[in-house]
PDB file of N, CA and C in Angstrom:
ATOM      1  N   MET A   1       0.847  -1.177   0.000  1.00  0.00           N
ATOM      2  CA  MET A   1       0.000   0.000   0.000  1.00  0.00           C
ATOM      3  C   MET A   1       0.893   1.241   0.000  1.00  0.00           C
ATOM      4  N   GLU A   2       0.471   2.248  -0.718  1.00  0.00           N
ATOM      5  CA  GLU A   2       1.253   3.490  -0.799  1.00  0.00           C
ATOM      6  C   GLU A   2       0.313   4.677  -0.780  1.00  0.00           C
ATOM      7  N   ALA A   3       0.820   5.806  -0.304  1.00  0.00           N
ATOM      8  CA  ALA A   3       0.067   7.057  -0.274  1.00  0.00           C
ATOM      9  C   ALA A   3       0.860   8.098  -1.049  1.00  0.00           C
ATOM     10  N   LYS A   4       0.140   8.910  -1.808  1.00  0.00           N
ATOM     11  CA  LYS A   4       0.790   9.888  -2.680  1.00  0.00           C
ATOM     12  C   LYS A   4       0.338  11.297  -2.337  1.00  0.00           C
ATOM     13  N   ALA A   5       1.178  12.254  -2.724  1.00  0.00           N
ATOM     14  CA  ALA A   5       0.824  13.671  -2.652  1.00  0.00           C
ATOM     15  C   ALA A   5       1.537  14.372  -3.799  1.00  0.00           C
ATOM     16  N   SER A   6       0.894  15.393  -4.343  1.00  0.00           N
ATOM     17  CA  SER A   6       1.506  16.105  -5.471  1.00  0.00           C
ATOM     18  C   SER A   6       1.374  17.610  -5.272  1.00  0.00           C
ATOM     19  N   LEU A   7       2.353  18.316  -5.778  1.00  0.00           N
ATOM     20  CA  LEU A   7       2.364  19.775  -5.761  1.00  0.00           C
ATOM     21  C   LEU A   7       2.549  20.224  -7.197  1.00  0.00           C
ATOM     22  N   ARG A   8       1.563  20.948  -7.714  1.00  0.00           N
ATOM     23  CA  ARG A   8       1.632  21.337  -9.116  1.00  0.00           C
ATOM     24  C   ARG A   8       1.792  22.852  -9.228  1.00  0.00           C
ATOM     25  N   HIS A   9       2.487  23.274 -10.268  1.00  0.00           N
ATOM     26  CA  HIS A   9       2.724  24.692 -10.594  1.00  0.00           C
ATOM     27  C   HIS A   9       3.493  25.418  -9.490  1.00  0.00           C
ATOM     28  N   ALA A  10       4.444  24.735  -8.852  1.00  0.00           N
ATOM     29  CA  ALA A  10       5.282  25.382  -7.839  1.00  0.00           C
ATOM     30  C   ALA A  10       6.241  26.337  -8.548  1.00  0.00           C
ATOM     31  N   ARG A  11       6.356  27.557  -8.037  1.00  0.00           N
ATOM     32  CA  ARG A  11       7.172  28.569  -8.713  1.00  0.00           C
ATOM     33  C   ARG A  11       8.637  28.445  -8.322  1.00  0.00           C
ATOM     34  N   ILE A  12       9.227  27.309  -8.658  1.00  0.00           N
ATOM     35  CA  ILE A  12      10.651  27.079  -8.434  1.00  0.00           C
ATOM     36  C   ILE A  12      11.132  26.158  -9.542  1.00  0.00           C
ATOM     37  N   SER A  13      12.349  26.343  -9.960  1.00  0.00           N
ATOM     38  CA  SER A  13      12.906  25.577 -11.066  1.00  0.00           C
ATOM     39  C   SER A  13      13.037  24.095 -10.698  1.00  0.00           C
ATOM     40  N   PRO A  14      12.741  23.190 -11.643  1.00  0.00           N
ATOM     41  CA  PRO A  14      12.879  21.753 -11.347  1.00  0.00           C
ATOM     42  C   PRO A  14      14.295  21.340 -10.970  1.00  0.00           C
ATOM     43  N   ARG A  15      15.295  22.015 -11.499  1.00  0.00           N
ATOM     44  CA  ARG A  15      16.693  21.685 -11.149  1.00  0.00           C
ATOM     45  C   ARG A  15      16.954  21.895  -9.669  1.00  0.00           C
ATOM     46  N   LYS A  16      16.386  22.971  -9.120  1.00  0.00           N
ATOM     47  CA  LYS A  16      16.595  23.272  -7.708  1.00  0.00           C
ATOM     48  C   LYS A  16      15.853  22.283  -6.816  1.00  0.00           C
ATOM     49  N   VAL A  17      14.678  21.850  -7.258  1.00  0.00           N
ATOM     50  CA  VAL A  17      13.892  20.887  -6.476  1.00  0.00           C
ATOM     51  C   VAL A  17      14.563  19.520  -6.498  1.00  0.00           C
ATOM     52  N   GLN A  18      15.122  19.128  -7.639  1.00  0.00           N
ATOM     53  CA  GLN A  18      15.720  17.800  -7.793  1.00  0.00           C
ATOM     54  C   GLN A  18      16.873  17.582  -6.818  1.00  0.00           C
ATOM     55  N   ILE A  19      17.642  18.622  -6.539  1.00  0.00           N
ATOM     56  CA  ILE A  19      18.770  18.527  -5.609  1.00  0.00           C
ATOM     57  C   ILE A  19      18.276  18.096  -4.226  1.00  0.00           C
ATOM     58  N   VAL A  20      17.170  18.684  -3.773  1.00  0.00           N
ATOM     59  CA  VAL A  20      16.649  18.377  -2.453  1.00  0.00           C
ATOM     60  C   VAL A  20      15.958  17.012  -2.436  1.00  0.00           C
ATOM     61  N   LEU A  21      15.271  16.664  -3.521  1.00  0.00           N
ATOM     62  CA  LEU A  21      14.602  15.363  -3.576  1.00  0.00           C
ATOM     63  C   LEU A  21      15.604  14.213  -3.498  1.00  0.00           C
ATOM     64  N   ASP A  22      16.794  14.406  -4.072  1.00  0.00           N
ATOM     65  CA  ASP A  22      17.823  13.369  -4.011  1.00  0.00           C
ATOM     66  C   ASP A  22      18.278  13.117  -2.571  1.00  0.00           C
ATOM     67  N   LEU A  23      18.143  14.132  -1.706  1.00  0.00           N
ATOM     68  CA  LEU A  23      18.557  13.982  -0.309  1.00  0.00           C
ATOM     69  C   LEU A  23      17.587  13.104   0.491  1.00  0.00           C
ATOM     70  N   ILE A  24      16.288  13.126   0.128  1.00  0.00           N
ATOM     71  CA  ILE A  24      15.292  12.442   0.968  1.00  0.00           C
ATOM     72  C   ILE A  24      14.797  11.127   0.371  1.00  0.00           C
ATOM     73  N   ARG A  25      15.198  10.786  -0.836  1.00  0.00           N
ATOM     74  CA  ARG A  25      14.720   9.550  -1.469  1.00  0.00           C
ATOM     75  C   ARG A  25      15.156   8.329  -0.664  1.00  0.00           C
ATOM     76  N   ASN A  26      14.226   7.389  -0.428  1.00  0.00           N
ATOM     77  CA  ASN A  26      14.424   6.126   0.309  1.00  0.00           C
ATOM     78  C   ASN A  26      14.796   6.318   1.786  1.00  0.00           C
ATOM     79  N   LYS A  27      14.494   7.466   2.350  1.00  0.00           N
ATOM     80  CA  LYS A  27      14.752   7.717   3.764  1.00  0.00           C
ATOM     81  C   LYS A  27      13.453   7.516   4.554  1.00  0.00           C
ATOM     82  N   PRO A  28      13.555   7.173   5.841  1.00  0.00           N
ATOM     83  CA  PRO A  28      12.354   7.149   6.687  1.00  0.00           C
ATOM     84  C   PRO A  28      11.714   8.535   6.717  1.00  0.00           C
ATOM     85  N   ALA A  29      10.412   8.587   6.851  1.00  0.00           N
ATOM     86  CA  ALA A  29       9.686   9.853   6.728  1.00  0.00           C
ATOM     87  C   ALA A  29      10.109  10.873   7.770  1.00  0.00           C
ATOM     88  N   ASP A  30      10.317  10.439   9.020  1.00  0.00           N
ATOM     89  CA  ASP A  30      10.716  11.400  10.050  1.00  0.00           C
ATOM     90  C   ASP A  30      12.129  11.922   9.813  1.00  0.00           C
ATOM     91  N   GLN A  31      13.005  11.063   9.300  1.00  0.00           N
ATOM     92  CA  GLN A  31      14.368  11.504   8.980  1.00  0.00           C
ATOM     93  C   GLN A  31      14.344  12.448   7.777  1.00  0.00           C
ATOM     94  N   ALA A  32      13.505  12.165   6.790  1.00  0.00           N
ATOM     95  CA  ALA A  32      13.375  13.053   5.620  1.00  0.00           C
ATOM     96  C   ALA A  32      12.862  14.420   6.047  1.00  0.00           C
ATOM     97  N   MET A  33      11.932  14.444   7.000  1.00  0.00           N
ATOM     98  CA  MET A  33      11.409  15.716   7.494  1.00  0.00           C
ATOM     99  C   MET A  33      12.505  16.510   8.207  1.00  0.00           C
ATOM    100  N   ALA A  34      13.359  15.817   8.962  1.00  0.00           N
ATOM    101  CA  ALA A  34      14.469  16.494   9.645  1.00  0.00           C
ATOM    102  C   ALA A  34      15.478  17.036   8.633  1.00  0.00           C
ATOM    103  N   ILE A  35      15.739  16.286   7.579  1.00  0.00           N
ATOM    104  CA  ILE A  35      16.654  16.751   6.526  1.00  0.00           C
ATOM    105  C   ILE A  35      16.102  18.016   5.885  1.00  0.00           C
ATOM    106  N   LEU A  36      14.805  18.016   5.584  1.00  0.00           N
ATOM    107  CA  LEU A  36      14.191  19.193   4.955  1.00  0.00           C
ATOM    108  C   LEU A  36      14.211  20.392   5.904  1.00  0.00           C
ATOM    109  N   ARG A  37      14.054  20.143   7.195  1.00  0.00           N
ATOM    110  CA  ARG A  37      14.023  21.234   8.157  1.00  0.00           C
ATOM    111  C   ARG A  37      15.380  21.905   8.293  1.00  0.00           C
ATOM    112  N   HIS A  38      16.474  21.155   8.093  1.00  0.00           N
ATOM    113  CA  HIS A  38      17.807  21.699   8.343  1.00  0.00           C
ATOM    114  C   HIS A  38      18.633  21.939   7.081  1.00  0.00           C
ATOM    115  N   THR A  39      18.026  21.833   5.907  1.00  0.00           N
ATOM    116  CA  THR A  39      18.735  22.099   4.659  1.00  0.00           C
ATOM    117  C   THR A  39      18.406  23.511   4.189  1.00  0.00           C
ATOM    118  N   PRO A  40      19.407  24.352   3.952  1.00  0.00           N
ATOM    119  CA  PRO A  40      19.144  25.749   3.577  1.00  0.00           C
ATOM    120  C   PRO A  40      18.902  25.930   2.075  1.00  0.00           C
ATOM    121  N   LYS A  41      17.838  25.353   1.573  1.00  0.00           N
ATOM    122  CA  LYS A  41      17.481  25.486   0.156  1.00  0.00           C
ATOM    123  C   LYS A  41      16.067  26.036   0.061  1.00  0.00           C
ATOM    124  N   ALA A  42      15.780  26.756  -1.023  1.00  0.00           N
ATOM    125  CA  ALA A  42      14.461  27.360  -1.205  1.00  0.00           C
ATOM    126  C   ALA A  42      13.375  26.306  -1.383  1.00  0.00           C
ATOM    127  N   ALA A  43      13.727  25.144  -1.921  1.00  0.00           N
ATOM    128  CA  ALA A  43      12.737  24.104  -2.203  1.00  0.00           C
ATOM    129  C   ALA A  43      12.296  23.363  -0.951  1.00  0.00           C
ATOM    130  N   CYS A  44      12.983  23.538   0.160  1.00  0.00           N
ATOM    131  CA  CYS A  44      12.701  22.733   1.352  1.00  0.00           C
ATOM    132  C   CYS A  44      11.346  23.040   1.982  1.00  0.00           C
ATOM    133  N   GLU A  45      10.930  24.281   1.975  1.00  0.00           N
ATOM    134  CA  GLU A  45       9.658  24.630   2.612  1.00  0.00           C
ATOM    135  C   GLU A  45       8.463  23.997   1.895  1.00  0.00           C
ATOM    136  N   PRO A  46       8.309  24.162   0.570  1.00  0.00           N
ATOM    137  CA  PRO A  46       7.183  23.485  -0.080  1.00  0.00           C
ATOM    138  C   PRO A  46       7.291  21.961  -0.037  1.00  0.00           C
ATOM    139  N   LEU A  47       8.518  21.423  -0.066  1.00  0.00           N
ATOM    140  CA  LEU A  47       8.669  19.970  -0.019  1.00  0.00           C
ATOM    141  C   LEU A  47       8.303  19.408   1.354  1.00  0.00           C
ATOM    142  N   SER A  48       8.591  20.146   2.418  1.00  0.00           N
ATOM    143  CA  SER A  48       8.216  19.650   3.745  1.00  0.00           C
ATOM    144  C   SER A  48       6.697  19.644   3.900  1.00  0.00           C
ATOM    145  N   LYS A  49       6.019  20.646   3.344  1.00  0.00           N
ATOM    146  CA  LYS A  49       4.555  20.656   3.364  1.00  0.00           C
ATOM    147  C   LYS A  49       4.003  19.479   2.564  1.00  0.00           C
ATOM    148  N   LEU A  50       4.631  19.187   1.435  1.00  0.00           N
ATOM    149  CA  LEU A  50       4.185  18.082   0.593  1.00  0.00           C
ATOM    150  C   LEU A  50       4.396  16.741   1.288  1.00  0.00           C
ATOM    151  N   LEU A  51       5.532  16.585   1.958  1.00  0.00           N
ATOM    152  CA  LEU A  51       5.803  15.340   2.687  1.00  0.00           C
ATOM    153  C   LEU A  51       4.820  15.162   3.844  1.00  0.00           C
ATOM    154  N   LYS A  52       4.501  16.259   4.555  1.00  0.00           N
ATOM    155  CA  LYS A  52       3.497  16.194   5.617  1.00  0.00           C
ATOM    156  C   LYS A  52       2.151  15.746   5.058  1.00  0.00           C
ATOM    157  N   SER A  53       1.807  16.244   3.890  1.00  0.00           N
ATOM    158  CA  SER A  53       0.545  15.874   3.253  1.00  0.00           C
ATOM    159  C   SER A  53       0.524  14.395   2.883  1.00  0.00           C
ATOM    160  N   ALA A  54       1.622  13.884   2.334  1.00  0.00           N
ATOM    161  CA  ALA A  54       1.695  12.469   1.970  1.00  0.00           C
ATOM    162  C   ALA A  54       1.603  11.591   3.219  1.00  0.00           C
ATOM    163  N   MET A  55       2.246  12.014   4.308  1.00  0.00           N
ATOM    164  CA  MET A  55       2.185  11.249   5.554  1.00  0.00           C
ATOM    165  C   MET A  55       0.768  11.263   6.130  1.00  0.00           C
ATOM    166  N   ALA A  56       0.096  12.401   6.051  1.00  0.00           N
ATOM    167  CA  ALA A  56      -1.278  12.488   6.536  1.00  0.00           C
ATOM    168  C   ALA A  56      -2.212  11.635   5.682  1.00  0.00           C
ATOM    169  N   ASN A  57      -1.991  11.615   4.369  1.00  0.00           N
ATOM    170  CA  ASN A  57      -2.787  10.758   3.494  1.00  0.00           C
ATOM    171  C   ASN A  57      -2.612   9.292   3.876  1.00  0.00           C
ATOM    172  N   ALA A  58      -1.386   8.884   4.146  1.00  0.00           N
ATOM    173  CA  ALA A  58      -1.110   7.493   4.517  1.00  0.00           C
ATOM    174  C   ALA A  58      -1.797   7.132   5.828  1.00  0.00           C
ATOM    175  N   GLU A  59      -1.728   8.053   6.777  1.00  0.00           N
ATOM    176  CA  GLU A  59      -2.267   7.781   8.103  1.00  0.00           C
ATOM    177  C   GLU A  59      -3.796   7.779   8.099  1.00  0.00           C
ATOM    178  N   ASN A  60      -4.405   8.759   7.447  1.00  0.00           N
ATOM    179  CA  ASN A  60      -5.859   8.921   7.526  1.00  0.00           C
ATOM    180  C   ASN A  60      -6.622   8.093   6.490  1.00  0.00           C
ATOM    181  N   ASN A  61      -6.080   7.955   5.289  1.00  0.00           N
ATOM    182  CA  ASN A  61      -6.815   7.265   4.230  1.00  0.00           C
ATOM    183  C   ASN A  61      -6.526   5.771   4.177  1.00  0.00           C
ATOM    184  N   PHE A  62      -5.308   5.360   4.579  1.00  0.00           N
ATOM    185  CA  PHE A  62      -4.920   3.959   4.434  1.00  0.00           C
ATOM    186  C   PHE A  62      -4.554   3.286   5.755  1.00  0.00           C
ATOM    187  N   ASN A  63      -4.732   4.001   6.883  1.00  0.00           N
ATOM    188  CA  ASN A  63      -4.458   3.463   8.229  1.00  0.00           C
ATOM    189  C   ASN A  63      -3.048   2.878   8.352  1.00  0.00           C
ATOM    190  N   MET A  64      -2.067   3.553   7.768  1.00  0.00           N
ATOM    191  CA  MET A  64      -0.674   3.113   7.891  1.00  0.00           C
ATOM    192  C   MET A  64      -0.078   3.647   9.190  1.00  0.00           C
ATOM    193  N   ASP A  65       0.935   2.951   9.692  1.00  0.00           N
ATOM    194  CA  ASP A  65       1.640   3.370  10.899  1.00  0.00           C
ATOM    195  C   ASP A  65       2.607   4.492  10.541  1.00  0.00           C
ATOM    196  N   ARG A  66       2.473   5.631  11.213  1.00  0.00           N
ATOM    197  CA  ARG A  66       3.281   6.808  10.901  1.00  0.00           C
ATOM    198  C   ARG A  66       4.774   6.572  11.121  1.00  0.00           C
ATOM    199  N   ASP A  67       5.124   5.725  12.105  1.00  0.00           N
ATOM    200  CA  ASP A  67       6.531   5.502  12.437  1.00  0.00           C
ATOM    201  C   ASP A  67       7.247   4.614  11.425  1.00  0.00           C
ATOM    202  N   SER A  68       6.509   3.837  10.645  1.00  0.00           N
ATOM    203  CA  SER A  68       7.153   2.925   9.701  1.00  0.00           C
ATOM    204  C   SER A  68       7.087   3.420   8.260  1.00  0.00           C
ATOM    205  N   LEU A  69       6.740   4.683   8.048  1.00  0.00           N
ATOM    206  CA  LEU A  69       6.667   5.237   6.689  1.00  0.00           C
ATOM    207  C   LEU A  69       8.058   5.627   6.192  1.00  0.00           C
ATOM    208  N   TYR A  70       8.255   5.467   4.888  1.00  0.00           N
ATOM    209  CA  TYR A  70       9.478   5.955   4.240  1.00  0.00           C
ATOM    210  C   TYR A  70       9.137   6.506   2.872  1.00  0.00           C
ATOM    211  N   VAL A  71      10.007   7.360   2.351  1.00  0.00           N
ATOM    212  CA  VAL A  71       9.795   7.994   1.047  1.00  0.00           C
ATOM    213  C   VAL A  71      10.216   6.990  -0.020  1.00  0.00           C
ATOM    214  N   SER A  72       9.249   6.332  -0.636  1.00  0.00           N
ATOM    215  CA  SER A  72       9.568   5.279  -1.603  1.00  0.00           C
ATOM    216  C   SER A  72       9.861   5.852  -2.978  1.00  0.00           C
ATOM    217  N   GLU A  73       9.189   6.945  -3.327  1.00  0.00           N
ATOM    218  CA  GLU A  73       9.372   7.513  -4.659  1.00  0.00           C
ATOM    219  C   GLU A  73       9.168   9.014  -4.566  1.00  0.00           C
ATOM    220  N   CYS A  74      10.041   9.767  -5.231  1.00  0.00           N
ATOM    221  CA  CYS A  74       9.859  11.217  -5.314  1.00  0.00           C
ATOM    222  C   CYS A  74      10.531  11.707  -6.597  1.00  0.00           C
ATOM    223  N   TYR A  75       9.794  12.511  -7.330  1.00  0.00           N
ATOM    224  CA  TYR A  75      10.353  13.030  -8.574  1.00  0.00           C
ATOM    225  C   TYR A  75       9.716  14.371  -8.905  1.00  0.00           C
ATOM    226  N   VAL A  76      10.346  15.075  -9.819  1.00  0.00           N
ATOM    227  CA  VAL A  76       9.867  16.390 -10.247  1.00  0.00           C
ATOM    228  C   VAL A  76       9.857  16.430 -11.766  1.00  0.00           C
ATOM    229  N   THR A  77       8.830  17.068 -12.313  1.00  0.00           N
ATOM    230  CA  THR A  77       8.743  17.279 -13.753  1.00  0.00           C
ATOM    231  C   THR A  77       8.537  18.770 -14.000  1.00  0.00           C
ATOM    232  N   PRO A  78       8.990  19.274 -15.141  1.00  0.00           N
ATOM    233  CA  PRO A  78       8.797  20.700 -15.406  1.00  0.00           C
ATOM    234  C   PRO A  78       7.333  21.028 -15.680  1.00  0.00           C
ATOM    235  N   GLY A  79       6.894  22.145 -15.122  1.00  0.00           N
ATOM    236  CA  GLY A  79       5.556  22.646 -15.390  1.00  0.00           C
ATOM    237  C   GLY A  79       5.617  23.684 -16.500  1.00  0.00           C
ATOM    238  N   PRO A  80       4.558  24.445 -16.667  1.00  0.00           N
ATOM    239  CA  PRO A  80       4.572  25.489 -17.692  1.00  0.00           C
ATOM    240  C   PRO A  80       5.589  26.580 -17.361  1.00  0.00           C
ATOM    241  N   THR A  81       6.208  27.127 -18.383  1.00  0.00           N
ATOM    242  CA  THR A  81       7.205  28.176 -18.217  1.00  0.00           C
ATOM    243  C   THR A  81       6.564  29.523 -18.547  1.00  0.00           C
ATOM    244  N   MET A  82       6.691  30.471 -17.620  1.00  0.00           N
ATOM    245  CA  MET A  82       6.178  31.817 -17.869  1.00  0.00           C
ATOM    246  C   MET A  82       7.267  32.622 -18.561  1.00  0.00           C
ATOM    247  N   LYS A  83       6.914  33.229 -19.671  1.00  0.00           N
ATOM    248  CA  LYS A  83       7.883  34.022 -20.419  1.00  0.00           C
ATOM    249  C   LYS A  83       7.690  35.498 -20.079  1.00  0.00           C
ATOM    250  N   ARG A  84       8.775  36.138 -19.671  1.00  0.00           N
ATOM    251  CA  ARG A  84       8.737  37.554 -19.320  1.00  0.00           C
ATOM    252  C   ARG A  84       9.821  38.271 -20.116  1.00  0.00           C
ATOM    253  N   ILE A  85       9.703  39.599 -20.180  1.00  0.00           N
ATOM    254  CA  ILE A  85      10.635  40.418 -20.958  1.00  0.00           C
ATOM    255  C   ILE A  85      11.426  41.309 -20.010  1.00  0.00           C
ATOM    256  N   ARG A  86      12.748  41.334 -20.209  1.00  0.00           N
ATOM    257  CA  ARG A  86      13.635  42.195 -19.417  1.00  0.00           C
ATOM    258  C   ARG A  86      14.191  43.271 -20.351  1.00  0.00           C
ATOM    259  N   PRO A  87      13.949  44.541 -20.057  1.00  0.00           N
ATOM    260  CA  PRO A  87      14.477  45.609 -20.906  1.00  0.00           C
ATOM    261  C   PRO A  87      16.005  45.653 -20.850  1.00  0.00           C
ATOM    262  N   ARG A  88      16.621  45.858 -21.988  1.00  0.00           N
ATOM    263  CA  ARG A  88      18.074  45.942 -22.075  1.00  0.00           C
ATOM    264  C   ARG A  88      18.449  47.245 -22.791  1.00  0.00           C
ATOM    265  N   ALA A  89      19.740  47.438 -22.957  1.00  0.00           N
ATOM    266  CA  ALA A  89      20.240  48.691 -23.525  1.00  0.00           C
ATOM    267  C   ALA A  89      19.829  48.847 -24.985  1.00  0.00           C
ATOM    268  N   GLN A  90      19.716  50.078 -25.420  1.00  0.00           N
ATOM    269  CA  GLN A  90      19.450  50.456 -26.809  1.00  0.00           C
ATOM    270  C   GLN A  90      18.136  49.882 -27.335  1.00  0.00           C
ATOM    271  N   GLY A  91      17.133  49.827 -26.486  1.00  0.00           N
ATOM    272  CA  GLY A  91      15.804  49.416 -26.917  1.00  0.00           C
ATOM    273  C   GLY A  91      15.609  47.922 -27.110  1.00  0.00           C
ATOM    274  N   ARG A  92      16.592  47.150 -26.760  1.00  0.00           N
ATOM    275  CA  ARG A  92      16.456  45.691 -26.921  1.00  0.00           C
ATOM    276  C   ARG A  92      15.679  45.096 -25.743  1.00  0.00           C
ATOM    277  N   ALA A  93      15.271  43.859 -25.893  1.00  0.00           N
ATOM    278  CA  ALA A  93      14.578  43.148 -24.825  1.00  0.00           C
ATOM    279  C   ALA A  93      15.091  41.716 -24.783  1.00  0.00           C
ATOM    280  N   PHE A  94      15.412  41.244 -23.591  1.00  0.00           N
ATOM    281  CA  PHE A  94      15.829  39.863 -23.409  1.00  0.00           C
ATOM    282  C   PHE A  94      14.688  39.090 -22.759  1.00  0.00           C
ATOM    283  N   ARG A  95      14.587  37.817 -23.094  1.00  0.00           N
ATOM    284  CA  ARG A  95      13.546  36.964 -22.541  1.00  0.00           C
ATOM    285  C   ARG A  95      14.010  36.357 -21.219  1.00  0.00           C
ATOM    286  N   VAL A  96      13.122  36.372 -20.234  1.00  0.00           N
ATOM    287  CA  VAL A  96      13.359  35.743 -18.949  1.00  0.00           C
ATOM    288  C   VAL A  96      12.373  34.584 -18.826  1.00  0.00           C
ATOM    289  N   LEU A  97      12.881  33.389 -18.556  1.00  0.00           N
ATOM    290  CA  LEU A  97      12.029  32.212 -18.416  1.00  0.00           C
ATOM    291  C   LEU A  97      11.833  31.915 -16.934  1.00  0.00           C
ATOM    292  N   LYS A  98      10.607  32.047 -16.462  1.00  0.00           N
ATOM    293  CA  LYS A  98      10.284  31.748 -15.062  1.00  0.00           C
ATOM    294  C   LYS A  98       9.691  30.348 -15.027  1.00  0.00           C
ATOM    295  N   ARG A  99      10.510  29.399 -14.569  1.00  0.00           N
ATOM    296  CA  ARG A  99      10.126  27.993 -14.647  1.00  0.00           C
ATOM    297  C   ARG A  99       9.274  27.565 -13.445  1.00  0.00           C
ATOM    298  N   THR A 100       8.409  26.590 -13.692  1.00  0.00           N
ATOM    299  CA  THR A 100       7.590  26.027 -12.628  1.00  0.00           C
ATOM    300  C   THR A 100       7.815  24.511 -12.577  1.00  0.00           C
ATOM    301  N   SER A 101       7.362  23.888 -11.493  1.00  0.00           N
ATOM    302  CA  SER A 101       7.611  22.462 -11.266  1.00  0.00           C
ATOM    303  C   SER A 101       6.334  21.755 -10.843  1.00  0.00           C
ATOM    304  N   HIS A 102       6.254  20.486 -11.191  1.00  0.00           N
ATOM    305  CA  HIS A 102       5.254  19.576 -10.646  1.00  0.00           C
ATOM    306  C   HIS A 102       6.031  18.538  -9.828  1.00  0.00           C
ATOM    307  N   VAL A 103       5.760  18.459  -8.526  1.00  0.00           N
ATOM    308  CA  VAL A 103       6.508  17.578  -7.635  1.00  0.00           C
ATOM    309  C   VAL A 103       5.573  16.477  -7.119  1.00  0.00           C
ATOM    310  N   PHE A 104       6.083  15.239  -7.058  1.00  0.00           N
ATOM    311  CA  PHE A 104       5.297  14.095  -6.614  1.00  0.00           C
ATOM    312  C   PHE A 104       6.087  13.316  -5.565  1.00  0.00           C
ATOM    313  N   ILE A 105       5.425  12.984  -4.454  1.00  0.00           N
ATOM    314  CA  ILE A 105       6.047  12.196  -3.388  1.00  0.00           C
ATOM    315  C   ILE A 105       5.126  11.016  -3.056  1.00  0.00           C
ATOM    316  N   THR A 106       5.721   9.842  -2.939  1.00  0.00           N
ATOM    317  CA  THR A 106       4.997   8.628  -2.553  1.00  0.00           C
ATOM    318  C   THR A 106       5.647   8.058  -1.301  1.00  0.00           C
ATOM    319  N   VAL A 107       4.836   7.724  -0.306  1.00  0.00           N
ATOM    320  CA  VAL A 107       5.348   7.083   0.910  1.00  0.00           C
ATOM    321  C   VAL A 107       4.745   5.683   1.026  1.00  0.00           C
ATOM    322  N   LYS A 108       5.552   4.761   1.544  1.00  0.00           N
ATOM    323  CA  LYS A 108       5.115   3.390   1.772  1.00  0.00           C
ATOM    324  C   LYS A 108       5.452   2.990   3.205  1.00  0.00           C
ATOM    325  N   GLU A 109       4.890   1.846   3.613  1.00  0.00           N
ATOM    326  CA  GLU A 109       5.150   1.312   4.932  1.00  0.00           C
ATOM    327  C   GLU A 109       6.234   0.249   4.839  1.00  0.00           C
ATOM    328  N   ARG A 110       7.210   0.313   5.733  1.00  0.00           N
ATOM    329  CA  ARG A 110       8.256  -0.726   5.764  1.00  0.00           C
ATOM    330  C   ARG A 110       7.687  -2.003   6.359  1.00  0.00           C
ATOM    331  N   GLU A 111       8.107  -3.136   5.796  1.00  0.00           N
ATOM    332  CA  GLU A 111       7.638  -4.424   6.325  1.00  0.00           C
ATOM    333  C   GLU A 111       8.483  -4.846   7.504  1.00  0.00           C
TER     334      GLU A 111
END
């Protein structure tokens, strides 16, 4: 049995999220939460909320034991990119790409 949670259209680049997801993959849920709490990255705050949501889904919807949960799967995919214009010298304009992410976390119970 597994419980999932997803975060869509997060306003952070997928590259930045992937670095933090690699830290918590296959870790026990409480240890993953501690890693997210003490890692100084911008992606940690939304990811900790997402992990809390996945743990709550496991506990309330599937009656899993909170102490035996671990992060079985976590990945990020790129969301839609917002295109913006940055004014430059001599009337030119450069394009700024504001990237978004779709993040997915799955927790399972250890046997």
